Amino acid sequence: MAPINFRAVYGLSVDVTTKAPVYHIDQMEPIQILRSDGIAADYSAHTAPDLTGTVAADGTVTPSVPQYYDQSGAQANFMAFYPAARTIQSGIANFKITGQEDVTAAQTVYAGSSGSPSTAAFTFRHLLAQVRFQVCAEKDNVAKSWGPINYIKIETPTSLDLGLNAWPALSAASNPENELLPTSIGGNASQTITTTYASAGSLMILNATYPLQIKVKTANKAEEQVTTSVWYIGPGNVYTIRLFFTNKTIEVQ
């Protein structure tokens, strides 16, 4: 009997011009795959994935363990996510994030049965938002007075839960493990501020206190808290925050 075929794509809701283009489909290696046979999928008893999958550029998934249909005729159901979860228990996958990884998942797909085989076609969705920062100084002497940027941080939940028996969505765990996460320039950077806008890194988060507040530290000044005009962060979206350094303050533009 031929094994079950797998494919993976990103959902149509992810427009790379406006959403978070964090991965090409083949950069999710390996995807974590769970199986549940029967009319209604139920992953509550899982404590680990049943298999993993390597995704090619054309979306073809090579499973770590070939999958076959139950000869009883039971339906074969699969769901998948990336990256590997910290724990899987009672129908919930828990992830610990650092701000530099996306979390993606595909809802349960029906892969047919022995009497009616079908490809298991996963449609992945981005479950975090990407926040990008750009910085600029009013004048050269202003940039010099502030000094290089040491870090830009956002306080956010880092322990996130994914319900395996529901539409793919993340929520903060009961113990959210809130942390101040730095952008991709790191927590001890030395990035020069110039008089033209330049990137100061990005990070991937689920949500934060609104309006979004950030911590900014430069070499010559104490840490400052800056309140932005961002009142909502939605999964799959990209938000760009511009920080304008003046003689005395950091303005959000």
C-alpha atoms as a PDB file:
ATOM      1  CA  MET A   1       0.000   0.000   0.000  1.00  0.00           C
ATOM      2  CA  ALA A   2       1.288   3.472  -0.883  1.00  0.00           C
ATOM      3  CA  PRO A   3       2.020   5.832   2.033  1.00  0.00           C
ATOM      4  CA  ILE A   4       0.005   8.996   2.730  1.00  0.00           C
ATOM      5  CA  ASN A   5       1.296  12.082   0.894  1.00  0.00           C
ATOM      6  CA  PHE A   6       1.893  15.426   2.627  1.00  0.00           C
ATOM      7  CA  ARG A   7       2.125  19.005   1.366  1.00  0.00           C
ATOM      8  CA  ALA A   8       2.480  22.404   3.062  1.00  0.00           C
ATOM      9  CA  VAL A   9       1.754  26.003   2.072  1.00  0.00           C
ATOM     10  CA  TYR A  10       1.283  29.325   3.805  1.00  0.00           C
ATOM     11  CA  GLY A  11      -2.305  30.508   4.084  1.00  0.00           C
ATOM     12  CA  LEU A  12      -3.715  33.085   1.670  1.00  0.00           C
ATOM     13  CA  SER A  13      -4.125  35.416   4.641  1.00  0.00           C
ATOM     14  CA  VAL A  14      -0.359  35.884   4.700  1.00  0.00           C
ATOM     15  CA  ASP A  15       0.536  38.576   2.173  1.00  0.00           C
ATOM     16  CA  VAL A  16       4.313  38.970   2.181  1.00  0.00           C
ATOM     17  CA  THR A  17       4.017  42.686   1.393  1.00  0.00           C
ATOM     18  CA  THR A  18       2.059  43.471   4.552  1.00  0.00           C
ATOM     19  CA  LYS A  19       2.308  40.451   6.826  1.00  0.00           C
ATOM     20  CA  ALA A  20       5.239  38.902   8.615  1.00  0.00           C
ATOM     21  CA  PRO A  21       7.433  37.254   5.949  1.00  0.00           C
ATOM     22  CA  VAL A  22       9.556  35.401   8.457  1.00  0.00           C
ATOM     23  CA  TYR A  23       9.983  32.064   6.696  1.00  0.00           C
ATOM     24  CA  HIS A  24       9.836  30.632   3.253  1.00  0.00           C
ATOM     25  CA  ILE A  25       7.867  27.411   3.479  1.00  0.00           C
ATOM     26  CA  ASP A  26      11.033  25.291   3.201  1.00  0.00           C
ATOM     27  CA  GLN A  27      12.696  27.099   6.118  1.00  0.00           C
ATOM     28  CA  MET A  28      10.398  25.353   8.593  1.00  0.00           C
ATOM     29  CA  GLU A  29      12.533  22.329   9.332  1.00  0.00           C
ATOM     30  CA  PRO A  30      11.375  20.119  10.706  1.00  0.00           C
ATOM     31  CA  ILE A  31       7.665  20.685  11.148  1.00  0.00           C
ATOM     32  CA  GLN A  32       6.061  18.803  14.034  1.00  0.00           C
ATOM     33  CA  ILE A  33       3.153  16.549  13.000  1.00  0.00           C
ATOM     34  CA  LEU A  34       0.452  14.941  15.163  1.00  0.00           C
ATOM     35  CA  ARG A  35      -1.933  12.217  13.993  1.00  0.00           C
ATOM     36  CA  SER A  36      -5.402  11.322  15.221  1.00  0.00           C
ATOM     37  CA  ASP A  37      -7.582   8.805  13.376  1.00  0.00           C
ATOM     38  CA  GLY A  38     -11.359   8.835  13.454  1.00  0.00           C
ATOM     39  CA  ILE A  39     -14.291  11.012  12.472  1.00  0.00           C
ATOM     40  CA  ALA A  40     -13.216  13.777  14.874  1.00  0.00           C
ATOM     41  CA  ALA A  41      -9.537  14.427  15.577  1.00  0.00           C
ATOM     42  CA  ASP A  42      -8.533  14.603  19.241  1.00  0.00           C
ATOM     43  CA  TYR A  43      -4.945  15.288  20.284  1.00  0.00           C
ATOM     44  CA  SER A  44      -5.604  15.455  24.024  1.00  0.00           C
ATOM     45  CA  ALA A  45      -3.602  12.307  24.785  1.00  0.00           C
ATOM     46  CA  HIS A  46      -0.490  13.401  22.901  1.00  0.00           C
ATOM     47  CA  THR A  47       2.690  14.230  24.811  1.00  0.00           C
ATOM     48  CA  ALA A  48       4.940  14.385  21.737  1.00  0.00           C
ATOM     49  CA  PRO A  49       4.607  14.621  17.950  1.00  0.00           C
ATOM     50  CA  ASP A  50       3.962  11.377  16.073  1.00  0.00           C
ATOM     51  CA  LEU A  51       6.466  12.375  13.401  1.00  0.00           C
ATOM     52  CA  THR A  52       8.268  15.336  11.884  1.00  0.00           C
ATOM     53  CA  GLY A  53       8.429  16.541   8.309  1.00  0.00           C
ATOM     54  CA  THR A  54      11.027  18.137   6.055  1.00  0.00           C
ATOM     55  CA  VAL A  55       9.479  20.730   3.735  1.00  0.00           C
ATOM     56  CA  ALA A  56      10.843  21.293   0.217  1.00  0.00           C
ATOM     57  CA  ALA A  57      10.632  24.606  -1.644  1.00  0.00           C
ATOM     58  CA  ASP A  58       7.667  23.317  -3.663  1.00  0.00           C
ATOM     59  CA  GLY A  59       5.768  22.457  -0.458  1.00  0.00           C
ATOM     60  CA  THR A  60       6.302  18.703  -0.611  1.00  0.00           C
ATOM     61  CA  VAL A  61       6.682  17.268   2.884  1.00  0.00           C
ATOM     62  CA  THR A  62       8.893  14.237   3.513  1.00  0.00           C
ATOM     63  CA  PRO A  63       7.724  12.577   6.748  1.00  0.00           C
ATOM     64  CA  SER A  64      10.274  11.172   9.174  1.00  0.00           C
ATOM     65  CA  VAL A  65       8.094   8.079   9.473  1.00  0.00           C
ATOM     66  CA  PRO A  66       5.960   6.959   6.486  1.00  0.00           C
ATOM     67  CA  GLN A  67       2.260   7.066   7.319  1.00  0.00           C
ATOM     68  CA  TYR A  68      -0.309   4.497   6.180  1.00  0.00           C
ATOM     69  CA  TYR A  69      -4.081   4.251   6.462  1.00  0.00           C
ATOM     70  CA  ASP A  70      -5.760   2.077   9.049  1.00  0.00           C
ATOM     71  CA  GLN A  71      -7.225  -0.878   7.192  1.00  0.00           C
ATOM     72  CA  SER A  72     -10.423  -0.506   9.228  1.00  0.00           C
ATOM     73  CA  GLY A  73     -11.272   2.441   6.989  1.00  0.00           C
ATOM     74  CA  ALA A  74     -10.880   5.047   9.744  1.00  0.00           C
ATOM     75  CA  GLN A  75     -10.189   8.605   8.632  1.00  0.00           C
ATOM     76  CA  ALA A  76      -6.589   9.814   8.999  1.00  0.00           C
ATOM     77  CA  ASN A  77      -6.274  13.306  10.473  1.00  0.00           C
ATOM     78  CA  PHE A  78      -3.129  15.366  10.973  1.00  0.00           C
ATOM     79  CA  MET A  79      -2.155  18.771  12.367  1.00  0.00           C
ATOM     80  CA  ALA A  80       1.234  20.448  12.357  1.00  0.00           C
ATOM     81  CA  PHE A  81       3.195  23.307  13.867  1.00  0.00           C
ATOM     82  CA  TYR A  82       6.666  24.838  13.924  1.00  0.00           C
ATOM     83  CA  PRO A  83       8.993  25.066  15.830  1.00  0.00           C
ATOM     84  CA  ALA A  84       9.098  22.206  18.338  1.00  0.00           C
ATOM     85  CA  ALA A  85       7.028  22.855  21.451  1.00  0.00           C
ATOM     86  CA  ARG A  86       8.541  22.976  24.920  1.00  0.00           C
ATOM     87  CA  THR A  87       5.819  20.631  26.180  1.00  0.00           C
ATOM     88  CA  ILE A  88       2.683  18.913  24.855  1.00  0.00           C
ATOM     89  CA  GLN A  89       0.078  17.998  27.419  1.00  0.00           C
ATOM     90  CA  SER A  90      -3.723  17.767  27.687  1.00  0.00           C
ATOM     91  CA  GLY A  91      -4.266  19.049  24.165  1.00  0.00           C
ATOM     92  CA  ILE A  92      -1.976  22.079  24.567  1.00  0.00           C
ATOM     93  CA  ALA A  93       1.458  22.708  23.050  1.00  0.00           C
ATOM     94  CA  ASN A  94       3.511  25.212  25.042  1.00  0.00           C
ATOM     95  CA  PHE A  95       6.207  27.368  23.437  1.00  0.00           C
ATOM     96  CA  LYS A  96       8.951  29.460  25.048  1.00  0.00           C
ATOM     97  CA  ILE A  97       9.831  32.391  22.785  1.00  0.00           C
ATOM     98  CA  THR A  98      12.819  34.734  22.717  1.00  0.00           C
ATOM     99  CA  GLY A  99      11.356  37.267  20.298  1.00  0.00           C
ATOM    100  CA  GLN A 100      13.504  36.023  17.421  1.00  0.00           C
ATOM    101  CA  GLU A 101      11.409  33.111  16.212  1.00  0.00           C
ATOM    102  CA  ASP A 102       8.013  32.848  14.588  1.00  0.00           C
ATOM    103  CA  VAL A 103       5.446  30.265  15.659  1.00  0.00           C
ATOM    104  CA  THR A 104       3.343  28.837  12.843  1.00  0.00           C
ATOM    105  CA  ALA A 105       0.647  26.174  12.806  1.00  0.00           C
ATOM    106  CA  ALA A 106      -1.757  24.446  10.471  1.00  0.00           C
ATOM    107  CA  GLN A 107      -5.229  23.365  11.493  1.00  0.00           C
ATOM    108  CA  THR A 108      -6.257  19.720  11.371  1.00  0.00           C
ATOM    109  CA  VAL A 109      -6.488  18.332   7.850  1.00  0.00           C
ATOM    110  CA  TYR A 110      -8.410  15.279   6.699  1.00  0.00           C
ATOM    111  CA  ALA A 111      -6.134  12.948   4.717  1.00  0.00           C
ATOM    112  CA  GLY A 112      -8.764  10.485   3.588  1.00  0.00           C
ATOM    113  CA  SER A 113      -8.978   6.789   4.371  1.00  0.00           C
ATOM    114  CA  SER A 114      -7.907   3.475   2.902  1.00  0.00           C
ATOM    115  CA  GLY A 115     -10.993   3.498   0.676  1.00  0.00           C
ATOM    116  CA  SER A 116     -10.641   7.162  -0.299  1.00  0.00           C
ATOM    117  CA  PRO A 117      -7.004   8.327  -0.010  1.00  0.00           C
ATOM    118  CA  SER A 118      -6.151  12.035  -0.053  1.00  0.00           C
ATOM    119  CA  THR A 119      -3.072  14.209   0.400  1.00  0.00           C
ATOM    120  CA  ALA A 120      -2.629  15.793   3.819  1.00  0.00           C
ATOM    121  CA  ALA A 121      -2.305  19.441   2.777  1.00  0.00           C
ATOM    122  CA  PHE A 122      -1.237  21.723   5.622  1.00  0.00           C
ATOM    123  CA  THR A 123      -1.981  25.455   5.442  1.00  0.00           C
ATOM    124  CA  PHE A 124       0.323  27.235   7.880  1.00  0.00           C
ATOM    125  CA  ARG A 125      -0.411  30.588   9.505  1.00  0.00           C
ATOM    126  CA  HIS A 126       1.852  33.011  11.346  1.00  0.00           C
ATOM    127  CA  LEU A 127       0.734  33.183  14.983  1.00  0.00           C
ATOM    128  CA  LEU A 128       2.911  36.082  16.175  1.00  0.00           C
ATOM    129  CA  ALA A 129       3.294  39.707  15.110  1.00  0.00           C
ATOM    130  CA  GLN A 130       6.551  41.303  14.029  1.00  0.00           C
ATOM    131  CA  VAL A 131       7.491  44.704  15.484  1.00  0.00           C
ATOM    132  CA  ARG A 132      10.217  46.579  13.596  1.00  0.00           C
ATOM    133  CA  PHE A 133      12.107  49.621  14.826  1.00  0.00           C
ATOM    134  CA  GLN A 134      13.748  52.453  12.930  1.00  0.00           C
ATOM    135  CA  VAL A 135      15.766  55.205  14.610  1.00  0.00           C
ATOM    136  CA  CYS A 136      16.922  58.679  13.595  1.00  0.00           C
ATOM    137  CA  ALA A 137      18.447  61.712  15.307  1.00  0.00           C
ATOM    138  CA  GLU A 138      17.409  65.341  14.782  1.00  0.00           C
ATOM    139  CA  LYS A 139      21.012  66.486  14.299  1.00  0.00           C
ATOM    140  CA  ASP A 140      24.509  65.038  14.416  1.00  0.00           C
ATOM    141  CA  ASN A 141      25.233  66.643  17.776  1.00  0.00           C
ATOM    142  CA  VAL A 142      21.987  65.146  19.145  1.00  0.00           C
ATOM    143  CA  ALA A 143      23.046  61.672  18.019  1.00  0.00           C
ATOM    144  CA  LYS A 144      26.418  62.211  19.681  1.00  0.00           C
ATOM    145  CA  SER A 145      24.810  63.330  22.948  1.00  0.00           C
ATOM    146  CA  TRP A 146      22.689  60.175  23.146  1.00  0.00           C
ATOM    147  CA  GLY A 147      25.428  57.834  22.019  1.00  0.00           C
ATOM    148  CA  PRO A 148      24.910  54.434  20.368  1.00  0.00           C
ATOM    149  CA  ILE A 149      21.798  52.387  21.155  1.00  0.00           C
ATOM    150  CA  ASN A 150      22.419  49.604  23.679  1.00  0.00           C
ATOM    151  CA  TYR A 151      18.976  48.060  23.413  1.00  0.00           C
ATOM    152  CA  ILE A 152      15.295  48.450  22.623  1.00  0.00           C
ATOM    153  CA  LYS A 153      13.028  46.118  24.610  1.00  0.00           C
ATOM    154  CA  ILE A 154       9.358  45.209  24.948  1.00  0.00           C
ATOM    155  CA  GLU A 155       7.833  43.418  27.926  1.00  0.00           C
ATOM    156  CA  THR A 156       5.719  40.528  26.679  1.00  0.00           C
ATOM    157  CA  PRO A 157       4.568  37.006  27.608  1.00  0.00           C
ATOM    158  CA  THR A 158       7.186  34.435  26.604  1.00  0.00           C
ATOM    159  CA  SER A 159       5.282  31.274  27.579  1.00  0.00           C
ATOM    160  CA  LEU A 160       2.585  30.705  24.966  1.00  0.00           C
ATOM    161  CA  ASP A 161      -0.039  27.998  24.562  1.00  0.00           C
ATOM    162  CA  LEU A 162      -1.430  26.529  21.348  1.00  0.00           C
ATOM    163  CA  GLY A 163      -4.680  24.571  21.635  1.00  0.00           C
ATOM    164  CA  LEU A 164      -4.262  21.487  19.473  1.00  0.00           C
ATOM    165  CA  ASN A 165      -7.984  20.786  19.114  1.00  0.00           C
ATOM    166  CA  ALA A 166      -8.970  24.287  17.995  1.00  0.00           C
ATOM    167  CA  TRP A 167      -8.298  26.804  15.239  1.00  0.00           C
ATOM    168  CA  PRO A 168      -4.558  27.653  15.391  1.00  0.00           C
ATOM    169  CA  ALA A 169      -4.071  30.586  17.768  1.00  0.00           C
ATOM    170  CA  LEU A 170      -1.687  31.373  20.600  1.00  0.00           C
ATOM    171  CA  SER A 171      -2.538  32.659  24.054  1.00  0.00           C
ATOM    172  CA  ALA A 172      -0.427  33.546  27.058  1.00  0.00           C
ATOM    173  CA  ALA A 173       0.035  30.572  29.389  1.00  0.00           C
ATOM    174  CA  SER A 174      -1.416  30.669  32.901  1.00  0.00           C
ATOM    175  CA  ASN A 175       2.124  31.553  33.963  1.00  0.00           C
ATOM    176  CA  PRO A 176       3.022  33.862  31.058  1.00  0.00           C
ATOM    177  CA  GLU A 177       6.672  34.270  32.113  1.00  0.00           C
ATOM    178  CA  ASN A 178       6.695  37.946  31.157  1.00  0.00           C
ATOM    179  CA  GLU A 179      10.108  39.205  30.120  1.00  0.00           C
ATOM    180  CA  LEU A 180      11.672  42.293  28.584  1.00  0.00           C
ATOM    181  CA  LEU A 181      12.798  41.005  25.199  1.00  0.00           C
ATOM    182  CA  PRO A 182      15.358  42.934  23.109  1.00  0.00           C
ATOM    183  CA  THR A 183      15.114  43.456  19.381  1.00  0.00           C
ATOM    184  CA  SER A 184      17.425  41.545  17.067  1.00  0.00           C
ATOM    185  CA  ILE A 185      20.293  43.973  17.721  1.00  0.00           C
ATOM    186  CA  GLY A 186      20.563  42.324  21.139  1.00  0.00           C
ATOM    187  CA  GLY A 187      20.644  43.465  24.741  1.00  0.00           C
ATOM    188  CA  ASN A 188      24.158  44.932  24.709  1.00  0.00           C
ATOM    189  CA  ALA A 189      24.485  46.536  21.297  1.00  0.00           C
ATOM    190  CA  SER A 190      26.399  49.595  20.143  1.00  0.00           C
ATOM    191  CA  GLN A 191      24.370  50.818  17.188  1.00  0.00           C
ATOM    192  CA  THR A 192      25.154  54.351  16.063  1.00  0.00           C
ATOM    193  CA  ILE A 193      22.229  56.735  15.581  1.00  0.00           C
ATOM    194  CA  THR A 194      22.400  58.838  12.422  1.00  0.00           C
ATOM    195  CA  THR A 195      20.306  61.633  10.926  1.00  0.00           C
ATOM    196  CA  THR A 196      18.584  59.241   8.523  1.00  0.00           C
ATOM    197  CA  TYR A 197      16.252  56.455   9.593  1.00  0.00           C
ATOM    198  CA  ALA A 198      17.917  53.065   9.952  1.00  0.00           C
ATOM    199  CA  SER A 199      16.773  49.726  11.304  1.00  0.00           C
ATOM    200  CA  ALA A 200      17.257  49.041  15.000  1.00  0.00           C
ATOM    201  CA  GLY A 201      16.102  45.451  14.818  1.00  0.00           C
ATOM    202  CA  SER A 202      12.801  43.657  15.220  1.00  0.00           C
ATOM    203  CA  LEU A 203      11.125  41.054  17.386  1.00  0.00           C
ATOM    204  CA  MET A 204       8.228  38.631  17.211  1.00  0.00           C
ATOM    205  CA  ILE A 205       5.649  38.828  20.020  1.00  0.00           C
ATOM    206  CA  LEU A 206       2.076  37.837  20.796  1.00  0.00           C
ATOM    207  CA  ASN A 207       0.930  40.944  22.623  1.00  0.00           C
ATOM    208  CA  ALA A 208       1.948  43.494  25.228  1.00  0.00           C
ATOM    209  CA  THR A 209       0.532  46.189  27.490  1.00  0.00           C
ATOM    210  CA  TYR A 210      -1.368  48.772  25.437  1.00  0.00           C
ATOM    211  CA  PRO A 211      -0.558  51.349  24.353  1.00  0.00           C
ATOM    212  CA  LEU A 212       2.675  49.557  23.507  1.00  0.00           C
ATOM    213  CA  GLN A 213       5.528  50.714  25.734  1.00  0.00           C
ATOM    214  CA  ILE A 214       9.198  50.161  25.030  1.00  0.00           C
ATOM    215  CA  LYS A 215      12.432  50.528  26.946  1.00  0.00           C
ATOM    216  CA  VAL A 216      15.295  52.333  25.214  1.00  0.00           C
ATOM    217  CA  LYS A 217      18.863  52.540  26.509  1.00  0.00           C
ATOM    218  CA  THR A 218      21.727  54.399  24.864  1.00  0.00           C
ATOM    219  CA  ALA A 219      25.374  54.602  25.871  1.00  0.00           C
ATOM    220  CA  ASN A 220      25.190  58.146  27.265  1.00  0.00           C
ATOM    221  CA  LYS A 221      21.704  58.198  28.799  1.00  0.00           C
ATOM    222  CA  ALA A 222      19.744  56.252  31.376  1.00  0.00           C
ATOM    223  CA  GLU A 223      17.042  53.844  30.235  1.00  0.00           C
ATOM    224  CA  GLU A 224      13.888  55.593  29.076  1.00  0.00           C
ATOM    225  CA  GLN A 225      10.354  54.298  28.730  1.00  0.00           C
ATOM    226  CA  VAL A 226       8.648  55.398  25.537  1.00  0.00           C
ATOM    227  CA  THR A 227       4.891  55.131  25.004  1.00  0.00           C
ATOM    228  CA  THR A 228       3.910  54.452  21.397  1.00  0.00           C
ATOM    229  CA  SER A 229       0.624  54.945  19.567  1.00  0.00           C
ATOM    230  CA  VAL A 230       0.196  51.195  18.962  1.00  0.00           C
ATOM    231  CA  TRP A 231      -3.001  50.032  20.659  1.00  0.00           C
ATOM    232  CA  TYR A 232      -3.272  46.568  19.149  1.00  0.00           C
ATOM    233  CA  ILE A 233      -0.954  43.872  17.854  1.00  0.00           C
ATOM    234  CA  GLY A 234      -2.461  41.155  15.678  1.00  0.00           C
ATOM    235  CA  PRO A 235      -0.894  37.846  14.635  1.00  0.00           C
ATOM    236  CA  GLY A 236       0.634  37.774  11.183  1.00  0.00           C
ATOM    237  CA  ASN A 237       0.986  41.557  10.987  1.00  0.00           C
ATOM    238  CA  VAL A 238       4.059  43.780  10.788  1.00  0.00           C
ATOM    239  CA  TYR A 239       4.264  46.996  12.827  1.00  0.00           C
ATOM    240  CA  THR A 240       6.968  49.604  12.213  1.00  0.00           C
ATOM    241  CA  ILE A 241       7.808  52.048  15.005  1.00  0.00           C
ATOM    242  CA  ARG A 242      10.003  55.078  14.214  1.00  0.00           C
ATOM    243  CA  LEU A 243      11.943  56.619  17.084  1.00  0.00           C
ATOM    244  CA  PHE A 244      13.117  60.202  16.583  1.00  0.00           C
ATOM    245  CA  PHE A 245      15.807  61.381  18.991  1.00  0.00           C
ATOM    246  CA  THR A 246      15.746  65.078  19.875  1.00  0.00           C
ATOM    247  CA  ASN A 247      17.928  66.996  22.299  1.00  0.00           C
ATOM    248  CA  LYS A 248      15.901  65.930  25.342  1.00  0.00           C
ATOM    249  CA  THR A 249      13.315  63.339  24.324  1.00  0.00           C
ATOM    250  CA  ILE A 250      12.572  60.326  22.132  1.00  0.00           C
ATOM    251  CA  GLU A 251       9.554  60.968  19.953  1.00  0.00           C
ATOM    252  CA  VAL A 252       7.448  58.359  18.176  1.00  0.00           C
ATOM    253  CA  GLN A 253       6.782  59.203  14.552  1.00  0.00           C
END
